[in-house]
PDB file of N, CA and C in Angstrom:
ATOM      1  N   MET A   1      -0.669 -49.643   9.436  1.00  0.00           N
ATOM      2  CA  MET A   1      -0.778 -50.450   8.650  1.00  0.00           C
ATOM      3  C   MET A   1      -1.868 -49.456   7.447  1.00  0.00           C
ATOM      4  N   LEU A   2      -2.895 -48.770   7.910  1.00  0.00           N
ATOM      5  CA  LEU A   2      -4.460 -48.323   7.271  1.00  0.00           C
ATOM      6  C   LEU A   2      -3.637 -47.169   6.372  1.00  0.00           C
ATOM      7  N   LEU A   3      -2.784 -46.482   7.635  1.00  0.00           N
ATOM      8  CA  LEU A   3      -2.648 -44.922   7.344  1.00  0.00           C
ATOM      9  C   LEU A   3      -0.839 -44.956   6.932  1.00  0.00           C
ATOM     10  N   LYS A   4      -0.263 -46.293   6.753  1.00  0.00           N
ATOM     11  CA  LYS A   4       0.590 -45.969   5.427  1.00  0.00           C
ATOM     12  C   LYS A   4       0.237 -46.375   3.935  1.00  0.00           C
ATOM     13  N   ARG A   5      -0.475 -47.051   3.768  1.00  0.00           N
ATOM     14  CA  ARG A   5      -1.355 -47.281   2.330  1.00  0.00           C
ATOM     15  C   ARG A   5      -2.462 -46.041   2.262  1.00  0.00           C
ATOM     16  N   LEU A   6      -2.931 -45.744   3.031  1.00  0.00           N
ATOM     17  CA  LEU A   6      -3.271 -44.541   2.778  1.00  0.00           C
ATOM     18  C   LEU A   6      -2.429 -43.112   2.207  1.00  0.00           C
ATOM     19  N   GLY A   7      -1.468 -43.166   2.726  1.00  0.00           N
ATOM     20  CA  GLY A   7      -0.144 -42.215   2.491  1.00  0.00           C
ATOM     21  C   GLY A   7       0.422 -42.485   1.030  1.00  0.00           C
ATOM     22  N   TRP A   8       0.855 -43.911   0.836  1.00  0.00           N
ATOM     23  CA  TRP A   8       1.073 -44.075  -0.518  1.00  0.00           C
ATOM     24  C   TRP A   8       0.132 -44.179  -1.926  1.00  0.00           C
ATOM     25  N   MET A   9      -1.279 -43.984  -1.508  1.00  0.00           N
ATOM     26  CA  MET A   9      -1.820 -44.339  -2.490  1.00  0.00           C
ATOM     27  C   MET A   9      -2.023 -42.361  -2.733  1.00  0.00           C
ATOM     28  N   ALA A  10      -2.430 -41.596  -1.569  1.00  0.00           N
ATOM     29  CA  ALA A  10      -2.017 -39.696  -1.684  1.00  0.00           C
ATOM     30  C   ALA A  10      -1.297 -39.616  -2.680  1.00  0.00           C
ATOM     31  N   LEU A  11       0.333 -40.464  -2.376  1.00  0.00           N
ATOM     32  CA  LEU A  11       1.583 -39.973  -3.057  1.00  0.00           C
ATOM     33  C   LEU A  11       1.328 -40.388  -4.395  1.00  0.00           C
ATOM     34  N   LEU A  12       0.706 -41.679  -4.406  1.00  0.00           N
ATOM     35  CA  LEU A  12       0.471 -41.812  -5.978  1.00  0.00           C
ATOM     36  C   LEU A  12       0.035 -41.286  -6.768  1.00  0.00           C
ATOM     37  N   GLY A  13      -1.473 -40.825  -5.993  1.00  0.00           N
ATOM     38  CA  GLY A  13      -2.505 -39.745  -7.035  1.00  0.00           C
ATOM     39  C   GLY A  13      -1.727 -38.392  -7.372  1.00  0.00           C
ATOM     40  N   CYS A  14      -1.049 -38.034  -7.040  1.00  0.00           N
ATOM     41  CA  CYS A  14      -0.257 -36.836  -6.654  1.00  0.00           C
ATOM     42  C   CYS A  14       0.784 -37.332  -7.882  1.00  0.00           C
ATOM     43  N   THR A  15       1.635 -38.180  -7.684  1.00  0.00           N
ATOM     44  CA  THR A  15       2.524 -38.122  -8.929  1.00  0.00           C
ATOM     45  C   THR A  15       1.829 -38.669 -10.106  1.00  0.00           C
ATOM     46  N   LEU A  16       0.414 -38.938 -10.418  1.00  0.00           N
ATOM     47  CA  LEU A  16      -0.149 -39.304 -11.481  1.00  0.00           C
ATOM     48  C   LEU A  16      -0.747 -38.291 -11.642  1.00  0.00           C
ATOM     49  N   GLN A  17      -1.067 -37.411 -11.706  1.00  0.00           N
ATOM     50  CA  GLN A  17      -1.482 -35.846 -11.281  1.00  0.00           C
ATOM     51  C   GLN A  17      -0.489 -34.774 -11.930  1.00  0.00           C
ATOM     52  N   ALA A  18       0.659 -34.876 -11.428  1.00  0.00           N
ATOM     53  CA  ALA A  18       1.580 -34.130 -12.080  1.00  0.00           C
ATOM     54  C   ALA A  18       2.478 -34.984 -13.386  1.00  0.00           C
ATOM     55  N   LEU A  19       2.270 -36.100 -13.587  1.00  0.00           N
ATOM     56  CA  LEU A  19       2.646 -36.329 -14.662  1.00  0.00           C
ATOM     57  C   LEU A  19       1.456 -36.674 -16.055  1.00  0.00           C
ATOM     58  N   ALA A  20       0.611 -35.922 -15.833  1.00  0.00           N
ATOM     59  CA  ALA A  20      -0.700 -35.841 -16.719  1.00  0.00           C
ATOM     60  C   ALA A  20      -0.108 -34.494 -17.703  1.00  0.00           C
ATOM     61  N   GLN A  21      -0.282 -34.797 -18.605  1.00  0.00           N
ATOM     62  CA  GLN A  21      -0.542 -33.798 -20.008  1.00  0.00           C
ATOM     63  C   GLN A  21      -0.754 -33.202 -20.360  1.00  0.00           C
ATOM     64  N   PRO A  22      -1.020 -31.683 -19.991  1.00  0.00           N
ATOM     65  CA  PRO A  22      -2.216 -30.713 -20.240  1.00  0.00           C
ATOM     66  C   PRO A  22      -2.410 -31.033 -21.845  1.00  0.00           C
ATOM     67  N   GLY A  23      -3.915 -29.817 -22.219  1.00  0.00           N
ATOM     68  CA  GLY A  23      -4.544 -30.616 -22.948  1.00  0.00           C
ATOM     69  C   GLY A  23      -3.833 -29.976 -24.506  1.00  0.00           C
ATOM     70  N   ASP A  24      -4.297 -30.489 -25.574  1.00  0.00           N
ATOM     71  CA  ASP A  24      -3.587 -29.803 -26.497  1.00  0.00           C
ATOM     72  C   ASP A  24      -4.480 -28.160 -26.926  1.00  0.00           C
ATOM     73  N   PRO A  25      -3.484 -27.231 -27.051  1.00  0.00           N
ATOM     74  CA  PRO A  25      -4.084 -26.558 -27.111  1.00  0.00           C
ATOM     75  C   PRO A  25      -4.368 -25.758 -28.728  1.00  0.00           C
ATOM     76  N   ALA A  26      -4.293 -26.701 -29.442  1.00  0.00           N
ATOM     77  CA  ALA A  26      -4.726 -26.551 -30.918  1.00  0.00           C
ATOM     78  C   ALA A  26      -6.267 -27.118 -30.832  1.00  0.00           C
ATOM     79  N   ASP A  27      -6.619 -27.927 -29.707  1.00  0.00           N
ATOM     80  CA  ASP A  27      -8.020 -28.729 -29.951  1.00  0.00           C
ATOM     81  C   ASP A  27      -9.006 -27.719 -28.926  1.00  0.00           C
ATOM     82  N   ALA A  28     -10.174 -26.943 -29.432  1.00  0.00           N
ATOM     83  CA  ALA A  28     -10.705 -26.224 -29.170  1.00  0.00           C
ATOM     84  C   ALA A  28     -11.554 -27.518 -27.591  1.00  0.00           C
ATOM     85  N   GLN A  29     -11.717 -28.447 -27.335  1.00  0.00           N
ATOM     86  CA  GLN A  29     -12.447 -29.264 -26.798  1.00  0.00           C
ATOM     87  C   GLN A  29     -11.772 -29.951 -25.516  1.00  0.00           C
ATOM     88  N   ALA A  30     -10.523 -29.631 -25.383  1.00  0.00           N
ATOM     89  CA  ALA A  30      -9.188 -29.910 -24.572  1.00  0.00           C
ATOM     90  C   ALA A  30      -9.863 -29.263 -23.239  1.00  0.00           C
ATOM     91  N   ARG A  31      -9.698 -30.076 -22.128  1.00  0.00           N
ATOM     92  CA  ARG A  31     -10.288 -29.921 -20.992  1.00  0.00           C
ATOM     93  C   ARG A  31      -9.118 -29.657 -20.193  1.00  0.00           C
ATOM     94  N   VAL A  32      -8.711 -28.453 -19.542  1.00  0.00           N
ATOM     95  CA  VAL A  32      -7.723 -27.460 -19.292  1.00  0.00           C
ATOM     96  C   VAL A  32      -8.000 -27.121 -17.945  1.00  0.00           C
ATOM     97  N   PRO A  33      -7.508 -26.878 -16.648  1.00  0.00           N
ATOM     98  CA  PRO A  33      -7.460 -26.221 -15.470  1.00  0.00           C
ATOM     99  C   PRO A  33      -8.300 -25.310 -15.784  1.00  0.00           C
ATOM    100  N   ARG A  34      -8.887 -24.852 -14.503  1.00  0.00           N
ATOM    101  CA  ARG A  34      -9.435 -23.093 -14.510  1.00  0.00           C
ATOM    102  C   ARG A  34      -8.338 -22.403 -13.704  1.00  0.00           C
ATOM    103  N   ALA A  35      -8.133 -21.430 -14.338  1.00  0.00           N
ATOM    104  CA  ALA A  35      -6.831 -19.992 -13.991  1.00  0.00           C
ATOM    105  C   ALA A  35      -7.522 -19.311 -12.850  1.00  0.00           C
ATOM    106  N   GLU A  36      -6.799 -19.375 -11.905  1.00  0.00           N
ATOM    107  CA  GLU A  36      -7.364 -18.488 -10.956  1.00  0.00           C
ATOM    108  C   GLU A  36      -6.254 -16.648 -10.871  1.00  0.00           C
ATOM    109  N   ALA A  37      -6.869 -15.452 -11.269  1.00  0.00           N
ATOM    110  CA  ALA A  37      -5.953 -14.739 -11.180  1.00  0.00           C
ATOM    111  C   ALA A  37      -6.678 -13.633 -10.033  1.00  0.00           C
ATOM    112  N   PRO A  38      -5.305 -13.539  -9.181  1.00  0.00           N
ATOM    113  CA  PRO A  38      -5.890 -12.422  -7.977  1.00  0.00           C
ATOM    114  C   PRO A  38      -6.383 -11.048  -8.544  1.00  0.00           C
ATOM    115  N   LYS A  39      -7.533 -11.225  -7.773  1.00  0.00           N
ATOM    116  CA  LYS A  39      -8.099  -9.565  -7.846  1.00  0.00           C
ATOM    117  C   LYS A  39      -7.696  -8.361  -7.587  1.00  0.00           C
ATOM    118  N   ALA A  40      -7.383  -7.610  -8.440  1.00  0.00           N
ATOM    119  CA  ALA A  40      -6.604  -6.317  -8.531  1.00  0.00           C
ATOM    120  C   ALA A  40      -7.296  -5.478  -6.900  1.00  0.00           C
ATOM    121  N   LEU A  41      -7.934  -5.286  -6.745  1.00  0.00           N
ATOM    122  CA  LEU A  41      -8.646  -4.326  -5.389  1.00  0.00           C
ATOM    123  C   LEU A  41      -9.274  -5.049  -4.354  1.00  0.00           C
ATOM    124  N   SER A  42      -8.427  -6.498  -4.199  1.00  0.00           N
ATOM    125  CA  SER A  42      -8.963  -6.979  -3.315  1.00  0.00           C
ATOM    126  C   SER A  42      -8.509  -6.886  -1.483  1.00  0.00           C
ATOM    127  N   ALA A  43      -7.314  -6.100  -1.676  1.00  0.00           N
ATOM    128  CA  ALA A  43      -6.688  -5.821  -0.607  1.00  0.00           C
ATOM    129  C   ALA A  43      -6.606  -3.779  -0.062  1.00  0.00           C
ATOM    130  N   TYR A  44      -7.887  -3.794  -1.224  1.00  0.00           N
ATOM    131  CA  TYR A  44      -8.172  -2.302  -0.949  1.00  0.00           C
ATOM    132  C   TYR A  44      -8.812  -1.689  -0.152  1.00  0.00           C
ATOM    133  N   ARG A  45      -8.303  -0.440   0.811  1.00  0.00           N
ATOM    134  CA  ARG A  45      -8.917  -0.102   2.148  1.00  0.00           C
ATOM    135  C   ARG A  45      -9.527   1.140   2.026  1.00  0.00           C
ATOM    136  N   ARG A  46     -10.665   1.377   2.041  1.00  0.00           N
ATOM    137  CA  ARG A  46     -10.915   2.891   1.966  1.00  0.00           C
ATOM    138  C   ARG A  46     -10.076   3.764   2.819  1.00  0.00           C
ATOM    139  N   LEU A  47      -9.713   4.697   2.281  1.00  0.00           N
ATOM    140  CA  LEU A  47      -9.571   5.989   3.283  1.00  0.00           C
ATOM    141  C   LEU A  47     -10.410   6.827   4.038  1.00  0.00           C
ATOM    142  N   ASP A  48     -10.683   6.935   5.331  1.00  0.00           N
ATOM    143  CA  ASP A  48     -11.420   7.823   5.642  1.00  0.00           C
ATOM    144  C   ASP A  48     -11.615   9.406   5.728  1.00  0.00           C
ATOM    145  N   GLU A  49     -12.608   9.919   4.933  1.00  0.00           N
ATOM    146  CA  GLU A  49     -12.163  11.563   4.596  1.00  0.00           C
ATOM    147  C   GLU A  49     -12.382  12.080   6.328  1.00  0.00           C
ATOM    148  N   ALA A  50     -11.097  13.317   6.452  1.00  0.00           N
ATOM    149  CA  ALA A  50     -11.467  14.176   7.288  1.00  0.00           C
ATOM    150  C   ALA A  50     -13.052  14.404   7.703  1.00  0.00           C
ATOM    151  N   PRO A  51     -13.265  15.100   8.719  1.00  0.00           N
ATOM    152  CA  PRO A  51     -14.451  15.799   8.640  1.00  0.00           C
ATOM    153  C   PRO A  51     -14.554  17.497   7.807  1.00  0.00           C
ATOM    154  N   ALA A  52     -15.034  17.898   7.435  1.00  0.00           N
ATOM    155  CA  ALA A  52     -14.883  19.076   6.947  1.00  0.00           C
ATOM    156  C   ALA A  52     -14.441  20.189   7.945  1.00  0.00           C
ATOM    157  N   THR A  53     -13.709  20.872   7.877  1.00  0.00           N
ATOM    158  CA  THR A  53     -13.865  22.144   9.092  1.00  0.00           C
ATOM    159  C   THR A  53     -15.183  23.307   8.359  1.00  0.00           C
ATOM    160  N   PRO A  54     -15.898  24.014   9.428  1.00  0.00           N
ATOM    161  CA  PRO A  54     -16.340  25.175   8.940  1.00  0.00           C
ATOM    162  C   PRO A  54     -16.245  26.038   8.421  1.00  0.00           C
ATOM    163  N   TRP A  55     -16.303  26.385   7.529  1.00  0.00           N
ATOM    164  CA  TRP A  55     -15.409  27.858   6.585  1.00  0.00           C
ATOM    165  C   TRP A  55     -15.602  28.921   7.804  1.00  0.00           C
ATOM    166  N   ARG A  56     -16.652  29.114   8.626  1.00  0.00           N
ATOM    167  CA  ARG A  56     -16.297  30.353   9.841  1.00  0.00           C
ATOM    168  C   ARG A  56     -15.135  29.974  10.390  1.00  0.00           C
ATOM    169  N   GLU A  57     -15.200  28.794  11.191  1.00  0.00           N
ATOM    170  CA  GLU A  57     -14.536  28.237  11.958  1.00  0.00           C
ATOM    171  C   GLU A  57     -12.814  28.552  11.081  1.00  0.00           C
ATOM    172  N   ALA A  58     -12.864  27.790   9.915  1.00  0.00           N
ATOM    173  CA  ALA A  58     -11.540  27.803   9.581  1.00  0.00           C
ATOM    174  C   ALA A  58     -10.789  29.304   8.814  1.00  0.00           C
ATOM    175  N   ASN A  59     -11.314  30.504   8.700  1.00  0.00           N
ATOM    176  CA  ASN A  59     -11.119  31.873   8.595  1.00  0.00           C
ATOM    177  C   ASN A  59     -10.913  32.504   9.905  1.00  0.00           C
ATOM    178  N   GLU A  60     -11.717  31.963  10.949  1.00  0.00           N
ATOM    179  CA  GLU A  60     -10.804  32.477  11.891  1.00  0.00           C
ATOM    180  C   GLU A  60      -9.744  32.160  12.628  1.00  0.00           C
ATOM    181  N   GLN A  61      -9.189  30.700  12.348  1.00  0.00           N
ATOM    182  CA  GLN A  61      -8.028  30.521  12.978  1.00  0.00           C
ATOM    183  C   GLN A  61      -7.023  30.645  11.924  1.00  0.00           C
ATOM    184  N   VAL A  62      -7.289  31.470  10.452  1.00  0.00           N
ATOM    185  CA  VAL A  62      -5.900  32.020  10.057  1.00  0.00           C
ATOM    186  C   VAL A  62      -6.219  33.231  10.055  1.00  0.00           C
ATOM    187  N   LEU A  63      -6.965  34.077  10.654  1.00  0.00           N
ATOM    188  CA  LEU A  63      -7.078  35.231  11.277  1.00  0.00           C
ATOM    189  C   LEU A  63      -6.353  35.510  12.845  1.00  0.00           C
ATOM    190  N   ARG A  64      -6.129  34.584  13.100  1.00  0.00           N
ATOM    191  CA  ARG A  64      -5.457  34.427  14.788  1.00  0.00           C
ATOM    192  C   ARG A  64      -4.188  34.207  14.318  1.00  0.00           C
ATOM    193  N   SER A  65      -3.887  33.234  13.079  1.00  0.00           N
ATOM    194  CA  SER A  65      -2.342  32.875  12.795  1.00  0.00           C
ATOM    195  C   SER A  65      -1.771  34.373  11.947  1.00  0.00           C
ATOM    196  N   GLY A  66      -1.992  35.515  12.006  1.00  0.00           N
ATOM    197  CA  GLY A  66      -1.974  36.065  11.901  1.00  0.00           C
ATOM    198  C   GLY A  66      -2.414  36.785   9.787  1.00  0.00           C
ATOM    199  N   GLY A  67      -3.275  35.968   9.551  1.00  0.00           N
ATOM    200  CA  GLY A  67      -4.068  36.440   8.198  1.00  0.00           C
ATOM    201  C   GLY A  67      -2.871  35.587   7.118  1.00  0.00           C
ATOM    202  N   TRP A  68      -3.320  36.030   5.728  1.00  0.00           N
ATOM    203  CA  TRP A  68      -2.054  35.993   4.665  1.00  0.00           C
ATOM    204  C   TRP A  68      -1.378  36.917   4.798  1.00  0.00           C
ATOM    205  N   ARG A  69      -0.864  37.859   5.403  1.00  0.00           N
ATOM    206  CA  ARG A  69       0.247  38.248   5.793  1.00  0.00           C
ATOM    207  C   ARG A  69       1.360  37.279   6.682  1.00  0.00           C
ATOM    208  N   ALA A  70       1.179  36.585   7.516  1.00  0.00           N
ATOM    209  CA  ALA A  70       1.614  35.516   7.742  1.00  0.00           C
ATOM    210  C   ALA A  70       2.622  34.486   7.107  1.00  0.00           C
ATOM    211  N   TYR A  71       1.291  34.205   6.080  1.00  0.00           N
ATOM    212  CA  TYR A  71       1.801  32.777   5.385  1.00  0.00           C
ATOM    213  C   TYR A  71       2.578  33.655   4.141  1.00  0.00           C
ATOM    214  N   ALA A  72       2.482  35.066   3.813  1.00  0.00           N
ATOM    215  CA  ALA A  72       3.291  35.715   2.630  1.00  0.00           C
ATOM    216  C   ALA A  72       4.861  35.703   3.186  1.00  0.00           C
ATOM    217  N   ARG A  73       4.896  36.287   4.480  1.00  0.00           N
ATOM    218  CA  ARG A  73       5.847  36.457   5.685  1.00  0.00           C
ATOM    219  C   ARG A  73       6.299  34.634   5.193  1.00  0.00           C
ATOM    220  N   GLU A  74       5.982  33.886   5.849  1.00  0.00           N
ATOM    221  CA  GLU A  74       6.404  32.604   5.987  1.00  0.00           C
ATOM    222  C   GLU A  74       7.654  32.117   4.368  1.00  0.00           C
ATOM    223  N   ALA A  75       6.591  32.429   3.222  1.00  0.00           N
ATOM    224  CA  ALA A  75       6.595  31.896   1.955  1.00  0.00           C
ATOM    225  C   ALA A  75       8.080  32.602   1.438  1.00  0.00           C
ATOM    226  N   ALA A  76       8.404  34.081   2.186  1.00  0.00           N
ATOM    227  CA  ALA A  76       9.347  35.042   1.551  1.00  0.00           C
ATOM    228  C   ALA A  76      10.769  34.394   2.426  1.00  0.00           C
ATOM    229  N   GLN A  77      10.221  33.919   3.341  1.00  0.00           N
ATOM    230  CA  GLN A  77      12.069  33.894   4.506  1.00  0.00           C
ATOM    231  C   GLN A  77      12.881  32.528   3.455  1.00  0.00           C
ATOM    232  N   PRO A  78      14.183  32.667   3.373  1.00  0.00           N
ATOM    233  CA  PRO A  78      14.718  32.086   2.438  1.00  0.00           C
ATOM    234  C   PRO A  78      14.228  30.674   3.377  1.00  0.00           C
ATOM    235  N   ALA A  79      14.724  29.207   2.572  1.00  0.00           N
ATOM    236  CA  ALA A  79      15.085  27.747   3.293  1.00  0.00           C
ATOM    237  C   ALA A  79      16.527  27.662   3.989  1.00  0.00           C
ATOM    238  N   VAL A  80      15.895  26.729   5.195  1.00  0.00           N
ATOM    239  CA  VAL A  80      17.396  26.562   5.811  1.00  0.00           C
ATOM    240  C   VAL A  80      17.342  25.146   6.117  1.00  0.00           C
ATOM    241  N   PRO A  81      18.399  24.775   5.564  1.00  0.00           N
ATOM    242  CA  PRO A  81      18.811  23.360   5.486  1.00  0.00           C
ATOM    243  C   PRO A  81      18.280  22.608   6.612  1.00  0.00           C
ATOM    244  N   ALA A  82      18.000  21.646   6.624  1.00  0.00           N
ATOM    245  CA  ALA A  82      17.411  20.846   8.010  1.00  0.00           C
ATOM    246  C   ALA A  82      18.335  20.742   9.112  1.00  0.00           C
ATOM    247  N   SER A  83      19.657  20.519   8.294  1.00  0.00           N
ATOM    248  CA  SER A  83      20.965  19.848   9.406  1.00  0.00           C
ATOM    249  C   SER A  83      21.227  21.622  10.502  1.00  0.00           C
ATOM    250  N   ALA A  84      20.739  22.982   9.661  1.00  0.00           N
ATOM    251  CA  ALA A  84      21.420  24.065  10.209  1.00  0.00           C
ATOM    252  C   ALA A  84      20.256  24.481  11.239  1.00  0.00           C
ATOM    253  N   ALA A  85      19.243  23.973  10.937  1.00  0.00           N
ATOM    254  CA  ALA A  85      17.677  24.247  11.648  1.00  0.00           C
ATOM    255  C   ALA A  85      17.900  23.263  13.079  1.00  0.00           C
ATOM    256  N   SER A  86      18.305  22.275  12.579  1.00  0.00           N
ATOM    257  CA  SER A  86      18.557  21.017  14.179  1.00  0.00           C
ATOM    258  C   SER A  86      19.778  21.378  14.564  1.00  0.00           C
ATOM    259  N   ALA A  87      20.644  22.137  14.530  1.00  0.00           N
ATOM    260  CA  ALA A  87      22.145  21.919  14.942  1.00  0.00           C
ATOM    261  C   ALA A  87      21.881  22.733  16.451  1.00  0.00           C
ATOM    262  N   PRO A  88      22.381  22.030  17.504  1.00  0.00           N
ATOM    263  CA  PRO A  88      22.657  22.982  19.153  1.00  0.00           C
ATOM    264  C   PRO A  88      23.525  24.203  19.029  1.00  0.00           C
ATOM    265  N   ARG A  89      23.021  25.246  19.472  1.00  0.00           N
ATOM    266  CA  ARG A  89      23.673  26.555  19.096  1.00  0.00           C
ATOM    267  C   ARG A  89      25.349  26.072  20.026  1.00  0.00           C
ATOM    268  N   GLY A  90      26.250  26.624  19.482  1.00  0.00           N
ATOM    269  CA  GLY A  90      27.420  26.472  20.796  1.00  0.00           C
ATOM    270  C   GLY A  90      28.140  27.429  21.104  1.00  0.00           C
ATOM    271  N   ALA A  91      29.121  27.765  21.305  1.00  0.00           N
ATOM    272  CA  ALA A  91      29.674  28.472  22.284  1.00  0.00           C
ATOM    273  C   ALA A  91      30.296  29.669  20.968  1.00  0.00           C
ATOM    274  N   ASP A  92      30.200  29.143  20.406  1.00  0.00           N
ATOM    275  CA  ASP A  92      31.270  29.970  19.077  1.00  0.00           C
ATOM    276  C   ASP A  92      29.994  31.024  18.213  1.00  0.00           C
ATOM    277  N   SER A  93      28.783  30.276  18.630  1.00  0.00           N
ATOM    278  CA  SER A  93      27.679  30.507  17.459  1.00  0.00           C
ATOM    279  C   SER A  93      26.828  32.080  17.919  1.00  0.00           C
ATOM    280  N   PRO A  94      26.800  32.783  17.359  1.00  0.00           N
ATOM    281  CA  PRO A  94      26.118  34.054  17.324  1.00  0.00           C
ATOM    282  C   PRO A  94      24.821  33.906  18.486  1.00  0.00           C
TER     283      PRO A  94
END
């Protein structure tokens, strides 16, 4: 019985609050509920930077791969469509 009364009282309180009229916008002294805006960066996650490779090691890696000439040859090659590059070679292919 007590729970039933508490339920009705809670329902009545919610109903009265819903029926309450907001303050007059022309009245500077009117009480209004506080507006809450979501924080713009609340879900921001910092991107961890990759560790920098020492310059000597980076230069040696470029030298092992063929140096700048390898990059120039790669850039000069015609672009191959993705479907042609991944297509299996059949009996009628050269």
